[in-house]
Amino acid sequence: FKVAKAIFSSPRKTVLNNLSQFYGRMVAKRTLDKAGIEHR
């Protein structure tokens, strides 16, 4: 639920930008890559 809240925190922003506020940008990129989800 923490991840979900981060993802939907700003609907117009990309998941990378939203997750960066939760993880930090480098960790967010790595997490998205491991999950197989497009950054944009």
Full PDB file with SEQRES, HELIX, SHEET, SSBOND, CRYST1, ORIGX, SCALE, CONECT and MASTER records, all heavy atoms in Angstrom:
SEQRES   1 A   40  PHE LYS VAL ALA LYS ALA ILE PHE SER SER PRO ARG LYS          
SEQRES   2 A   40  THR VAL LEU ASN ASN LEU SER GLN PHE TYR GLY ARG MET          
SEQRES   3 A   40  VAL ALA LYS ARG THR LEU ASP LYS ALA GLY ILE GLU HIS          
SEQRES   4 A   40  ARG                                                          
HELIX    1 AA1 LYS A    2  ILE A    7  1                                   6    
HELIX    2 AA2 VAL A   15  TYR A   23  1                                   9    
HELIX    3 AA3 ARG A   25  ALA A   35  1                                  11    
CRYST1    1.000    1.000    1.000  90.00  90.00  90.00 P 1           1          
ORIGX1      1.000000  0.000000  0.000000        0.00000                         
ORIGX2      0.000000  1.000000  0.000000        0.00000                         
ORIGX3      0.000000  0.000000  1.000000        0.00000                         
SCALE1      1.000000  0.000000  0.000000        0.00000                         
SCALE2      0.000000  1.000000  0.000000        0.00000                         
SCALE3      0.000000  0.000000  1.000000        0.00000                         
ATOM      1  N   PHE A   1       0.814  -1.209   0.000  1.00  0.00           N  
ATOM      2  CA  PHE A   1       0.000   0.000   0.000  1.00  0.00           C  
ATOM      3  C   PHE A   1       0.854   1.267   0.000  1.00  0.00           C  
ATOM      4  O   PHE A   1       0.442   2.295  -0.550  1.00  0.00           O  
ATOM      5  CB  PHE A   1      -0.992  -0.016   1.161  1.00  0.00           C  
ATOM      6  CG  PHE A   1      -2.267  -0.715   0.807  1.00  0.00           C  
ATOM      7  CD1 PHE A   1      -2.409  -2.073   0.976  1.00  0.00           C  
ATOM      8  CD2 PHE A   1      -3.324  -0.013   0.243  1.00  0.00           C  
ATOM      9  CE1 PHE A   1      -3.571  -2.727   0.606  1.00  0.00           C  
ATOM     10  CE2 PHE A   1      -4.502  -0.651  -0.130  1.00  0.00           C  
ATOM     11  CZ  PHE A   1      -4.617  -2.015   0.053  1.00  0.00           C  
ATOM     12  N   LYS A   2       2.029   1.206   0.580  1.00  0.00           N  
ATOM     13  CA  LYS A   2       2.929   2.358   0.505  1.00  0.00           C  
ATOM     14  C   LYS A   2       3.368   2.594  -0.940  1.00  0.00           C  
ATOM     15  O   LYS A   2       3.415   3.733  -1.409  1.00  0.00           O  
ATOM     16  CB  LYS A   2       4.157   2.125   1.403  1.00  0.00           C  
ATOM     17  CG  LYS A   2       3.869   2.284   2.887  1.00  0.00           C  
ATOM     18  CD  LYS A   2       5.134   2.076   3.711  1.00  0.00           C  
ATOM     19  CE  LYS A   2       4.848   2.262   5.203  1.00  0.00           C  
ATOM     20  NZ  LYS A   2       6.058   2.031   6.026  1.00  0.00           N  
ATOM     21  N   VAL A   3       3.688   1.505  -1.639  1.00  0.00           N  
ATOM     22  CA  VAL A   3       4.070   1.609  -3.050  1.00  0.00           C  
ATOM     23  C   VAL A   3       2.892   2.120  -3.874  1.00  0.00           C  
ATOM     24  O   VAL A   3       3.047   3.003  -4.727  1.00  0.00           O  
ATOM     25  CB  VAL A   3       4.556   0.242  -3.582  1.00  0.00           C  
ATOM     26  CG1 VAL A   3       4.723   0.280  -5.103  1.00  0.00           C  
ATOM     27  CG2 VAL A   3       5.878  -0.148  -2.923  1.00  0.00           C  
ATOM     28  N   ALA A   4       1.690   1.582  -3.629  1.00  0.00           N  
ATOM     29  CA  ALA A   4       0.501   2.007  -4.377  1.00  0.00           C  
ATOM     30  C   ALA A   4       0.221   3.494  -4.165  1.00  0.00           C  
ATOM     31  O   ALA A   4      -0.091   4.218  -5.116  1.00  0.00           O  
ATOM     32  CB  ALA A   4      -0.707   1.180  -3.948  1.00  0.00           C  
ATOM     33  N   LYS A   5       0.329   3.961  -2.932  1.00  0.00           N  
ATOM     34  CA  LYS A   5       0.089   5.380  -2.656  1.00  0.00           C  
ATOM     35  C   LYS A   5       1.098   6.256  -3.393  1.00  0.00           C  
ATOM     36  O   LYS A   5       0.749   7.329  -3.895  1.00  0.00           O  
ATOM     37  CB  LYS A   5       0.160   5.634  -1.145  1.00  0.00           C  
ATOM     38  CG  LYS A   5      -1.065   5.137  -0.395  1.00  0.00           C  
ATOM     39  CD  LYS A   5      -0.933   5.383   1.099  1.00  0.00           C  
ATOM     40  CE  LYS A   5      -2.164   4.886   1.848  1.00  0.00           C  
ATOM     41  NZ  LYS A   5      -2.018   5.083   3.312  1.00  0.00           N  
ATOM     42  N   ALA A   6       2.356   5.794  -3.458  1.00  0.00           N  
ATOM     43  CA  ALA A   6       3.378   6.544  -4.187  1.00  0.00           C  
ATOM     44  C   ALA A   6       3.054   6.582  -5.680  1.00  0.00           C  
ATOM     45  O   ALA A   6       3.132   7.628  -6.321  1.00  0.00           O  
ATOM     46  CB  ALA A   6       4.751   5.918  -3.956  1.00  0.00           C  
ATOM     47  N   ILE A   7       2.665   5.463  -6.235  1.00  0.00           N  
ATOM     48  CA  ILE A   7       2.367   5.359  -7.668  1.00  0.00           C  
ATOM     49  C   ILE A   7       1.232   6.283  -8.075  1.00  0.00           C  
ATOM     50  O   ILE A   7       1.268   6.913  -9.142  1.00  0.00           O  
ATOM     51  CB  ILE A   7       2.016   3.900  -8.033  1.00  0.00           C  
ATOM     52  CG1 ILE A   7       3.283   3.045  -8.012  1.00  0.00           C  
ATOM     53  CG2 ILE A   7       1.343   3.805  -9.400  1.00  0.00           C  
ATOM     54  CD1 ILE A   7       3.025   1.570  -8.105  1.00  0.00           C  
ATOM     55  N   PHE A   8       0.205   6.397  -7.228  1.00  0.00           N  
ATOM     56  CA  PHE A   8      -0.972   7.205  -7.571  1.00  0.00           C  
ATOM     57  C   PHE A   8      -0.928   8.611  -6.970  1.00  0.00           C  
ATOM     58  O   PHE A   8      -1.911   9.342  -7.075  1.00  0.00           O  
ATOM     59  CB  PHE A   8      -2.242   6.489  -7.103  1.00  0.00           C  
ATOM     60  CG  PHE A   8      -2.507   5.194  -7.824  1.00  0.00           C  
ATOM     61  CD1 PHE A   8      -2.407   3.984  -7.151  1.00  0.00           C  
ATOM     62  CD2 PHE A   8      -2.835   5.185  -9.168  1.00  0.00           C  
ATOM     63  CE1 PHE A   8      -2.651   2.781  -7.800  1.00  0.00           C  
ATOM     64  CE2 PHE A   8      -3.075   3.994  -9.837  1.00  0.00           C  
ATOM     65  CZ  PHE A   8      -2.981   2.788  -9.156  1.00  0.00           C  
ATOM     66  N   SER A   9       0.193   8.985  -6.380  1.00  0.00           N  
ATOM     67  CA  SER A   9       0.271  10.283  -5.691  1.00  0.00           C  
ATOM     68  C   SER A   9       0.096  11.459  -6.646  1.00  0.00           C  
ATOM     69  O   SER A   9      -0.496  12.481  -6.292  1.00  0.00           O  
ATOM     70  CB  SER A   9       1.598  10.413  -4.932  1.00  0.00           C  
ATOM     71  OG  SER A   9       2.699  10.290  -5.824  1.00  0.00           O  
ATOM     72  N   SER A  10       0.609  11.346  -7.860  1.00  0.00           N  
ATOM     73  CA  SER A  10       0.441  12.388  -8.888  1.00  0.00           C  
ATOM     74  C   SER A  10       0.074  11.686 -10.187  1.00  0.00           C  
ATOM     75  O   SER A  10       0.961  11.244 -10.924  1.00  0.00           O  
ATOM     76  CB  SER A  10       1.732  13.199  -9.061  1.00  0.00           C  
ATOM     77  OG  SER A  10       2.064  13.881  -7.869  1.00  0.00           O  
ATOM     78  N   PRO A  11      -1.225  11.569 -10.484  1.00  0.00           N  
ATOM     79  CA  PRO A  11      -1.689  10.778 -11.628  1.00  0.00           C  
ATOM     80  C   PRO A  11      -1.068  11.156 -12.968  1.00  0.00           C  
ATOM     81  O   PRO A  11      -0.937  10.305 -13.853  1.00  0.00           O  
ATOM     82  CB  PRO A  11      -3.200  11.016 -11.636  1.00  0.00           C  
ATOM     83  CG  PRO A  11      -3.527  11.349 -10.210  1.00  0.00           C  
ATOM     84  CD  PRO A  11      -2.352  12.118  -9.708  1.00  0.00           C  
ATOM     85  N   ARG A  12      -0.677  12.412 -13.142  1.00  0.00           N  
ATOM     86  CA  ARG A  12      -0.146  12.843 -14.442  1.00  0.00           C  
ATOM     87  C   ARG A  12       1.349  12.547 -14.590  1.00  0.00           C  
ATOM     88  O   ARG A  12       1.894  12.628 -15.685  1.00  0.00           O  
ATOM     89  CB  ARG A  12      -0.393  14.343 -14.641  1.00  0.00           C  
ATOM     90  CG  ARG A  12      -1.871  14.693 -14.765  1.00  0.00           C  
ATOM     91  CD  ARG A  12      -2.063  16.154 -15.088  1.00  0.00           C  
ATOM     92  NE  ARG A  12      -3.479  16.505 -15.215  1.00  0.00           N  
ATOM     93  CZ  ARG A  12      -3.925  17.705 -15.522  1.00  0.00           C  
ATOM     94  NH1 ARG A  12      -3.060  18.698 -15.733  1.00  0.00           N  
ATOM     95  NH2 ARG A  12      -5.221  17.935 -15.628  1.00  0.00           N  
ATOM     96  N   LYS A  13       1.989  12.201 -13.491  1.00  0.00           N  
ATOM     97  CA  LYS A  13       3.424  11.913 -13.552  1.00  0.00           C  
ATOM     98  C   LYS A  13       3.660  10.447 -13.881  1.00  0.00           C  
ATOM     99  O   LYS A  13       2.794   9.598 -13.680  1.00  0.00           O  
ATOM    100  CB  LYS A  13       4.092  12.257 -12.216  1.00  0.00           C  
ATOM    101  CG  LYS A  13       4.148  13.747 -11.917  1.00  0.00           C  
ATOM    102  CD  LYS A  13       4.921  14.003 -10.635  1.00  0.00           C  
ATOM    103  CE  LYS A  13       5.025  15.492 -10.337  1.00  0.00           C  
ATOM    104  NZ  LYS A  13       5.779  15.738  -9.081  1.00  0.00           N  
ATOM    105  N   THR A  14       4.850  10.143 -14.363  1.00  0.00           N  
ATOM    106  CA  THR A  14       5.199   8.760 -14.673  1.00  0.00           C  
ATOM    107  C   THR A  14       5.422   7.978 -13.376  1.00  0.00           C  
ATOM    108  O   THR A  14       5.663   8.561 -12.313  1.00  0.00           O  
ATOM    109  CB  THR A  14       6.492   8.688 -15.507  1.00  0.00           C  
ATOM    110  OG1 THR A  14       7.590   9.193 -14.717  1.00  0.00           O  
ATOM    111  CG2 THR A  14       6.356   9.489 -16.794  1.00  0.00           C  
ATOM    112  N   VAL A  15       5.350   6.653 -13.501  1.00  0.00           N  
ATOM    113  CA  VAL A  15       5.592   5.832 -12.308  1.00  0.00           C  
ATOM    114  C   VAL A  15       7.016   6.028 -11.812  1.00  0.00           C  
ATOM    115  O   VAL A  15       7.273   5.952 -10.603  1.00  0.00           O  
ATOM    116  CB  VAL A  15       5.318   4.342 -12.583  1.00  0.00           C  
ATOM    117  CG1 VAL A  15       3.840   4.095 -12.725  1.00  0.00           C  
ATOM    118  CG2 VAL A  15       6.077   3.829 -13.794  1.00  0.00           C  
ATOM    119  N   LEU A  16       7.949   6.300 -12.722  1.00  0.00           N  
ATOM    120  CA  LEU A  16       9.332   6.547 -12.295  1.00  0.00           C  
ATOM    121  C   LEU A  16       9.407   7.777 -11.409  1.00  0.00           C  
ATOM    122  O   LEU A  16      10.020   7.748 -10.333  1.00  0.00           O  
ATOM    123  CB  LEU A  16      10.252   6.718 -13.504  1.00  0.00           C  
ATOM    124  CG  LEU A  16      11.708   7.122 -13.173  1.00  0.00           C  
ATOM    125  CD1 LEU A  16      12.362   6.084 -12.262  1.00  0.00           C  
ATOM    126  CD2 LEU A  16      12.519   7.306 -14.454  1.00  0.00           C  
ATOM    127  N   ASN A  17       8.779   8.857 -11.835  1.00  0.00           N  
ATOM    128  CA  ASN A  17       8.820  10.083 -11.033  1.00  0.00           C  
ATOM    129  C   ASN A  17       8.125   9.900  -9.682  1.00  0.00           C  
ATOM    130  O   ASN A  17       8.617  10.369  -8.653  1.00  0.00           O  
ATOM    131  CB  ASN A  17       8.166  11.238 -11.793  1.00  0.00           C  
ATOM    132  CG  ASN A  17       9.070  11.783 -12.884  1.00  0.00           C  
ATOM    133  OD1 ASN A  17      10.284  11.636 -12.813  1.00  0.00           O  
ATOM    134  ND2 ASN A  17       8.485  12.379 -13.905  1.00  0.00           N  
ATOM    135  N   ASN A  18       6.986   9.223  -9.691  1.00  0.00           N  
ATOM    136  CA  ASN A  18       6.272   9.017  -8.430  1.00  0.00           C  
ATOM    137  C   ASN A  18       7.020   8.085  -7.490  1.00  0.00           C  
ATOM    138  O   ASN A  18       7.097   8.336  -6.286  1.00  0.00           O  
ATOM    139  CB  ASN A  18       4.866   8.471  -8.711  1.00  0.00           C  
ATOM    140  CG  ASN A  18       3.905   9.548  -9.193  1.00  0.00           C  
ATOM    141  OD1 ASN A  18       4.108  10.736  -8.957  1.00  0.00           O  
ATOM    142  ND2 ASN A  18       2.858   9.139  -9.889  1.00  0.00           N  
ATOM    143  N   LEU A  19       7.570   6.997  -8.038  1.00  0.00           N  
ATOM    144  CA  LEU A  19       8.317   6.058  -7.192  1.00  0.00           C  
ATOM    145  C   LEU A  19       9.622   6.653  -6.687  1.00  0.00           C  
ATOM    146  O   LEU A  19      10.123   6.254  -5.633  1.00  0.00           O  
ATOM    147  CB  LEU A  19       8.604   4.770  -7.953  1.00  0.00           C  
ATOM    148  CG  LEU A  19       7.509   3.711  -7.982  1.00  0.00           C  
ATOM    149  CD1 LEU A  19       7.986   2.487  -8.735  1.00  0.00           C  
ATOM    150  CD2 LEU A  19       7.077   3.317  -6.577  1.00  0.00           C  
ATOM    151  N   SER A  20      10.172   7.613  -7.429  1.00  0.00           N  
ATOM    152  CA  SER A  20      11.425   8.252  -7.010  1.00  0.00           C  
ATOM    153  C   SER A  20      11.259   8.979  -5.682  1.00  0.00           C  
ATOM    154  O   SER A  20      12.195   9.093  -4.886  1.00  0.00           O  
ATOM    155  CB  SER A  20      11.913   9.241  -8.081  1.00  0.00           C  
ATOM    156  OG  SER A  20      12.263   8.543  -9.260  1.00  0.00           O  
ATOM    157  N   GLN A  21      10.029   9.464  -5.425  1.00  0.00           N  
ATOM    158  CA  GLN A  21       9.760  10.138  -4.154  1.00  0.00           C  
ATOM    159  C   GLN A  21       9.730   9.139  -2.991  1.00  0.00           C  
ATOM    160  O   GLN A  21       9.934   9.518  -1.847  1.00  0.00           O  
ATOM    161  CB  GLN A  21       8.423  10.875  -4.241  1.00  0.00           C  
ATOM    162  CG  GLN A  21       8.375  11.935  -5.334  1.00  0.00           C  
ATOM    163  CD  GLN A  21       6.994  12.554  -5.460  1.00  0.00           C  
ATOM    164  OE1 GLN A  21       6.345  12.863  -4.475  1.00  0.00           O  
ATOM    165  NE2 GLN A  21       6.533  12.730  -6.692  1.00  0.00           N  
ATOM    166  N   PHE A  22       9.489   7.887  -3.314  1.00  0.00           N  
ATOM    167  CA  PHE A  22       9.398   6.838  -2.291  1.00  0.00           C  
ATOM    168  C   PHE A  22      10.743   6.131  -2.100  1.00  0.00           C  
ATOM    169  O   PHE A  22      11.205   5.931  -0.979  1.00  0.00           O  
ATOM    170  CB  PHE A  22       8.323   5.827  -2.698  1.00  0.00           C  
ATOM    171  CG  PHE A  22       8.147   4.686  -1.735  1.00  0.00           C  
ATOM    172  CD1 PHE A  22       7.662   4.896  -0.448  1.00  0.00           C  
ATOM    173  CD2 PHE A  22       8.454   3.385  -2.116  1.00  0.00           C  
ATOM    174  CE1 PHE A  22       7.486   3.838   0.435  1.00  0.00           C  
ATOM    175  CE2 PHE A  22       8.281   2.321  -1.237  1.00  0.00           C  
ATOM    176  CZ  PHE A  22       7.801   2.556   0.041  1.00  0.00           C  
ATOM    177  N   TYR A  23      11.391   5.768  -3.231  1.00  0.00           N  
ATOM    178  CA  TYR A  23      12.628   4.992  -3.184  1.00  0.00           C  
ATOM    179  C   TYR A  23      13.900   5.825  -3.357  1.00  0.00           C  
ATOM    180  O   TYR A  23      14.977   5.420  -2.928  1.00  0.00           O  
ATOM    181  CB  TYR A  23      12.634   3.963  -4.313  1.00  0.00           C  
ATOM    182  CG  TYR A  23      11.770   2.748  -4.109  1.00  0.00           C  
ATOM    183  CD1 TYR A  23      10.737   2.451  -4.994  1.00  0.00           C  
ATOM    184  CD2 TYR A  23      11.998   1.862  -3.068  1.00  0.00           C  
ATOM    185  CE1 TYR A  23       9.949   1.319  -4.843  1.00  0.00           C  
ATOM    186  CE2 TYR A  23      11.216   0.727  -2.907  1.00  0.00           C  
ATOM    187  CZ  TYR A  23      10.198   0.457  -3.794  1.00  0.00           C  
ATOM    188  OH  TYR A  23       9.443  -0.662  -3.644  1.00  0.00           O  
ATOM    189  N   GLY A  24      13.793   6.965  -4.061  1.00  0.00           N  
ATOM    190  CA  GLY A  24      14.968   7.608  -4.628  1.00  0.00           C  
ATOM    191  C   GLY A  24      15.053   7.163  -6.087  1.00  0.00           C  
ATOM    192  O   GLY A  24      14.611   6.061  -6.431  1.00  0.00           O  
ATOM    193  N   ARG A  25      15.602   8.005  -6.972  1.00  0.00           N  
ATOM    194  CA  ARG A  25      15.512   7.753  -8.417  1.00  0.00           C  
ATOM    195  C   ARG A  25      16.227   6.478  -8.857  1.00  0.00           C  
ATOM    196  O   ARG A  25      15.699   5.691  -9.643  1.00  0.00           O  
ATOM    197  CB  ARG A  25      16.057   8.960  -9.204  1.00  0.00           C  
ATOM    198  CG  ARG A  25      15.604   8.933 -10.664  1.00  0.00           C  
ATOM    199  CD  ARG A  25      15.801  10.272 -11.329  1.00  0.00           C  
ATOM    200  NE  ARG A  25      15.249  10.310 -12.669  1.00  0.00           N  
ATOM    201  CZ  ARG A  25      13.971  10.548 -12.964  1.00  0.00           C  
ATOM    202  NH1 ARG A  25      13.116  10.773 -11.994  1.00  0.00           N  
ATOM    203  NH2 ARG A  25      13.548  10.567 -14.213  1.00  0.00           N  
ATOM    204  N   MET A  26      17.452   6.258  -8.370  1.00  0.00           N  
ATOM    205  CA  MET A  26      18.211   5.090  -8.818  1.00  0.00           C  
ATOM    206  C   MET A  26      17.529   3.791  -8.392  1.00  0.00           C  
ATOM    207  O   MET A  26      17.410   2.850  -9.175  1.00  0.00           O  
ATOM    208  CB  MET A  26      19.635   5.148  -8.268  1.00  0.00           C  
ATOM    209  CG  MET A  26      20.470   6.291  -8.829  1.00  0.00           C  
ATOM    210  SD  MET A  26      20.540   6.281 -10.653  1.00  0.00           S  
ATOM    211  CE  MET A  26      21.410   4.738 -10.926  1.00  0.00           C  
ATOM    212  N   VAL A  27      17.056   3.735  -7.153  1.00  0.00           N  
ATOM    213  CA  VAL A  27      16.373   2.530  -6.670  1.00  0.00           C  
ATOM    214  C   VAL A  27      15.052   2.339  -7.401  1.00  0.00           C  
ATOM    215  O   VAL A  27      14.668   1.217  -7.737  1.00  0.00           O  
ATOM    216  CB  VAL A  27      16.149   2.603  -5.142  1.00  0.00           C  
ATOM    217  CG1 VAL A  27      15.336   1.402  -4.662  1.00  0.00           C  
ATOM    218  CG2 VAL A  27      17.480   2.671  -4.408  1.00  0.00           C  
ATOM    219  N   ALA A  28      14.350   3.444  -7.684  1.00  0.00           N  
ATOM    220  CA  ALA A  28      13.084   3.361  -8.411  1.00  0.00           C  
ATOM    221  C   ALA A  28      13.297   2.763  -9.803  1.00  0.00           C  
ATOM    222  O   ALA A  28      12.537   1.896 -10.243  1.00  0.00           O  
ATOM    223  CB  ALA A  28      12.445   4.740  -8.524  1.00  0.00           C  
ATOM    224  N   LYS A  29      14.353   3.224 -10.504  1.00  0.00           N  
ATOM    225  CA  LYS A  29      14.659   2.673 -11.829  1.00  0.00           C  
ATOM    226  C   LYS A  29      14.938   1.180 -11.745  1.00  0.00           C  
ATOM    227  O   LYS A  29      14.431   0.390 -12.549  1.00  0.00           O  
ATOM    228  CB  LYS A  29      15.879   3.390 -12.427  1.00  0.00           C  
ATOM    229  CG  LYS A  29      15.601   4.785 -12.950  1.00  0.00           C  
ATOM    230  CD  LYS A  29      16.863   5.365 -13.578  1.00  0.00           C  
ATOM    231  CE  LYS A  29      16.611   6.743 -14.177  1.00  0.00           C  
ATOM    232  NZ  LYS A  29      17.826   7.296 -14.804  1.00  0.00           N  
ATOM    233  N   ARG A  30      15.760   0.796 -10.785  1.00  0.00           N  
ATOM    234  CA  ARG A  30      16.138  -0.613 -10.640  1.00  0.00           C  
ATOM    235  C   ARG A  30      14.914  -1.471 -10.298  1.00  0.00           C  
ATOM    236  O   ARG A  30      14.752  -2.573 -10.823  1.00  0.00           O  
ATOM    237  CB  ARG A  30      17.211  -0.751  -9.562  1.00  0.00           C  
ATOM    238  CG  ARG A  30      17.773  -2.155  -9.436  1.00  0.00           C  
ATOM    239  CD  ARG A  30      19.034  -2.185  -8.598  1.00  0.00           C  
ATOM    240  NE  ARG A  30      18.785  -1.820  -7.208  1.00  0.00           N  
ATOM    241  CZ  ARG A  30      19.274  -0.723  -6.639  1.00  0.00           C  
ATOM    242  NH1 ARG A  30      20.020   0.121  -7.337  1.00  0.00           N  
ATOM    243  NH2 ARG A  30      19.017  -0.459  -5.377  1.00  0.00           N  
ATOM    244  N   THR A  31      14.056  -0.941  -9.428  1.00  0.00           N  
ATOM    245  CA  THR A  31      12.848  -1.677  -9.027  1.00  0.00           C  
ATOM    246  C   THR A  31      11.910  -1.879 -10.209  1.00  0.00           C  
ATOM    247  O   THR A  31      11.375  -2.976 -10.415  1.00  0.00           O  
ATOM    248  CB  THR A  31      12.117  -0.919  -7.903  1.00  0.00           C  
ATOM    249  OG1 THR A  31      13.000  -0.751  -6.791  1.00  0.00           O  
ATOM    250  CG2 THR A  31      10.889  -1.688  -7.439  1.00  0.00           C  
ATOM    251  N   LEU A  32      11.704  -0.838 -11.008  1.00  0.00           N  
ATOM    252  CA  LEU A  32      10.846  -0.939 -12.184  1.00  0.00           C  
ATOM    253  C   LEU A  32      11.419  -1.928 -13.196  1.00  0.00           C  
ATOM    254  O   LEU A  32      10.685  -2.729 -13.788  1.00  0.00           O  
ATOM    255  CB  LEU A  32      10.669   0.432 -12.827  1.00  0.00           C  
ATOM    256  CG  LEU A  32       9.768   1.413 -12.069  1.00  0.00           C  
ATOM    257  CD1 LEU A  32       9.930   2.824 -12.621  1.00  0.00           C  
ATOM    258  CD2 LEU A  32       8.306   0.990 -12.160  1.00  0.00           C  
ATOM    259  N   ASP A  33      12.737  -1.900 -13.381  1.00  0.00           N  
ATOM    260  CA  ASP A  33      13.373  -2.825 -14.318  1.00  0.00           C  
ATOM    261  C   ASP A  33      13.192  -4.276 -13.869  1.00  0.00           C  
ATOM    262  O   ASP A  33      12.863  -5.153 -14.674  1.00  0.00           O  
ATOM    263  CB  ASP A  33      14.863  -2.510 -14.450  1.00  0.00           C  
ATOM    264  CG  ASP A  33      15.123  -1.210 -15.214  1.00  0.00           C  
ATOM    265  OD1 ASP A  33      14.211  -0.774 -15.953  1.00  0.00           O  
ATOM    266  OD2 ASP A  33      16.218  -0.644 -15.060  1.00  0.00           O  
ATOM    267  N   LYS A  34      13.393  -4.522 -12.588  1.00  0.00           N  
ATOM    268  CA  LYS A  34      13.252  -5.888 -12.073  1.00  0.00           C  
ATOM    269  C   LYS A  34      11.810  -6.382 -12.172  1.00  0.00           C  
ATOM    270  O   LYS A  34      11.567  -7.577 -12.355  1.00  0.00           O  
ATOM    271  CB  LYS A  34      13.727  -5.949 -10.622  1.00  0.00           C  
ATOM    272  CG  LYS A  34      15.239  -5.851 -10.458  1.00  0.00           C  
ATOM    273  CD  LYS A  34      15.645  -5.968  -8.996  1.00  0.00           C  
ATOM    274  CE  LYS A  34      17.160  -5.912  -8.851  1.00  0.00           C  
ATOM    275  NZ  LYS A  34      17.568  -6.008  -7.415  1.00  0.00           N  
ATOM    276  N   ALA A  35      10.864  -5.455 -12.060  1.00  0.00           N  
ATOM    277  CA  ALA A  35       9.447  -5.820 -12.149  1.00  0.00           C  
ATOM    278  C   ALA A  35       8.961  -5.864 -13.601  1.00  0.00           C  
ATOM    279  O   ALA A  35       7.828  -6.275 -13.869  1.00  0.00           O  
ATOM    280  CB  ALA A  35       8.595  -4.835 -11.353  1.00  0.00           C  
ATOM    281  N   GLY A  36       9.827  -5.436 -14.535  1.00  0.00           N  
ATOM    282  CA  GLY A  36       9.452  -5.464 -15.947  1.00  0.00           C  
ATOM    283  C   GLY A  36       8.416  -4.434 -16.326  1.00  0.00           C  
ATOM    284  O   GLY A  36       7.563  -4.676 -17.179  1.00  0.00           O  
ATOM    285  N   ILE A  37       8.514  -3.235 -15.715  1.00  0.00           N  
ATOM    286  CA  ILE A  37       7.529  -2.174 -15.966  1.00  0.00           C  
ATOM    287  C   ILE A  37       8.213  -0.977 -16.611  1.00  0.00           C  
ATOM    288  O   ILE A  37       9.244  -0.490 -16.120  1.00  0.00           O  
ATOM    289  CB  ILE A  37       6.836  -1.760 -14.656  1.00  0.00           C  
ATOM    290  CG1 ILE A  37       6.005  -2.935 -14.125  1.00  0.00           C  
ATOM    291  CG2 ILE A  37       5.942  -0.543 -14.872  1.00  0.00           C  
ATOM    292  CD1 ILE A  37       5.416  -2.712 -12.765  1.00  0.00           C  
ATOM    293  N   GLU A  38       7.634  -0.511 -17.695  1.00  0.00           N  
ATOM    294  CA  GLU A  38       8.164   0.634 -18.432  1.00  0.00           C  
ATOM    295  C   GLU A  38       8.137   1.890 -17.569  1.00  0.00           C  
ATOM    296  O   GLU A  38       7.128   2.226 -16.954  1.00  0.00           O  
ATOM    297  CB  GLU A  38       7.313   0.842 -19.697  1.00  0.00           C  
ATOM    298  CG  GLU A  38       7.519   2.161 -20.419  1.00  0.00           C  
ATOM    299  CD  GLU A  38       8.965   2.350 -20.868  1.00  0.00           C  
ATOM    300  OE1 GLU A  38       9.528   1.398 -21.447  1.00  0.00           O  
ATOM    301  OE2 GLU A  38       9.509   3.449 -20.623  1.00  0.00           O  
ATOM    302  N   HIS A  39       9.272   2.615 -17.546  1.00  0.00           N  
ATOM    303  CA  HIS A  39       9.425   3.806 -16.692  1.00  0.00           C  
ATOM    304  C   HIS A  39       8.418   4.905 -17.016  1.00  0.00           C  
ATOM    305  O   HIS A  39       8.020   5.667 -16.134  1.00  0.00           O  
ATOM    306  CB  HIS A  39      10.833   4.387 -16.841  1.00  0.00           C  
ATOM    307  CG  HIS A  39      11.917   3.473 -16.381  1.00  0.00           C  
ATOM    308  ND1 HIS A  39      13.241   3.860 -16.299  1.00  0.00           N  
ATOM    309  CD2 HIS A  39      11.882   2.177 -15.968  1.00  0.00           C  
ATOM    310  CE1 HIS A  39      13.972   2.846 -15.876  1.00  0.00           C  
ATOM    311  NE2 HIS A  39      13.173   1.814 -15.670  1.00  0.00           N  
ATOM    312  N   ARG A  40       8.020   5.011 -18.285  1.00  0.00           N  
ATOM    313  CA  ARG A  40       7.189   6.144 -18.707  1.00  0.00           C  
ATOM    314  C   ARG A  40       5.705   5.926 -18.458  1.00  0.00           C  
ATOM    315  O   ARG A  40       4.893   6.826 -18.700  1.00  0.00           O  
ATOM    316  CB  ARG A  40       7.393   6.411 -20.201  1.00  0.00           C  
ATOM    317  CG  ARG A  40       8.809   6.821 -20.556  1.00  0.00           C  
ATOM    318  CD  ARG A  40       8.920   7.044 -22.055  1.00  0.00           C  
ATOM    319  NE  ARG A  40      10.295   7.257 -22.463  1.00  0.00           N  
ATOM    320  CZ  ARG A  40      10.677   7.422 -23.732  1.00  0.00           C  
ATOM    321  NH1 ARG A  40       9.762   7.407 -24.691  1.00  0.00           N  
ATOM    322  NH2 ARG A  40      11.946   7.604 -24.034  1.00  0.00           N  
TER     323      ARG A  40                                                      
MASTER        0    0    0    3    0    0    0    6  322    1    0    4          
END                                                                             
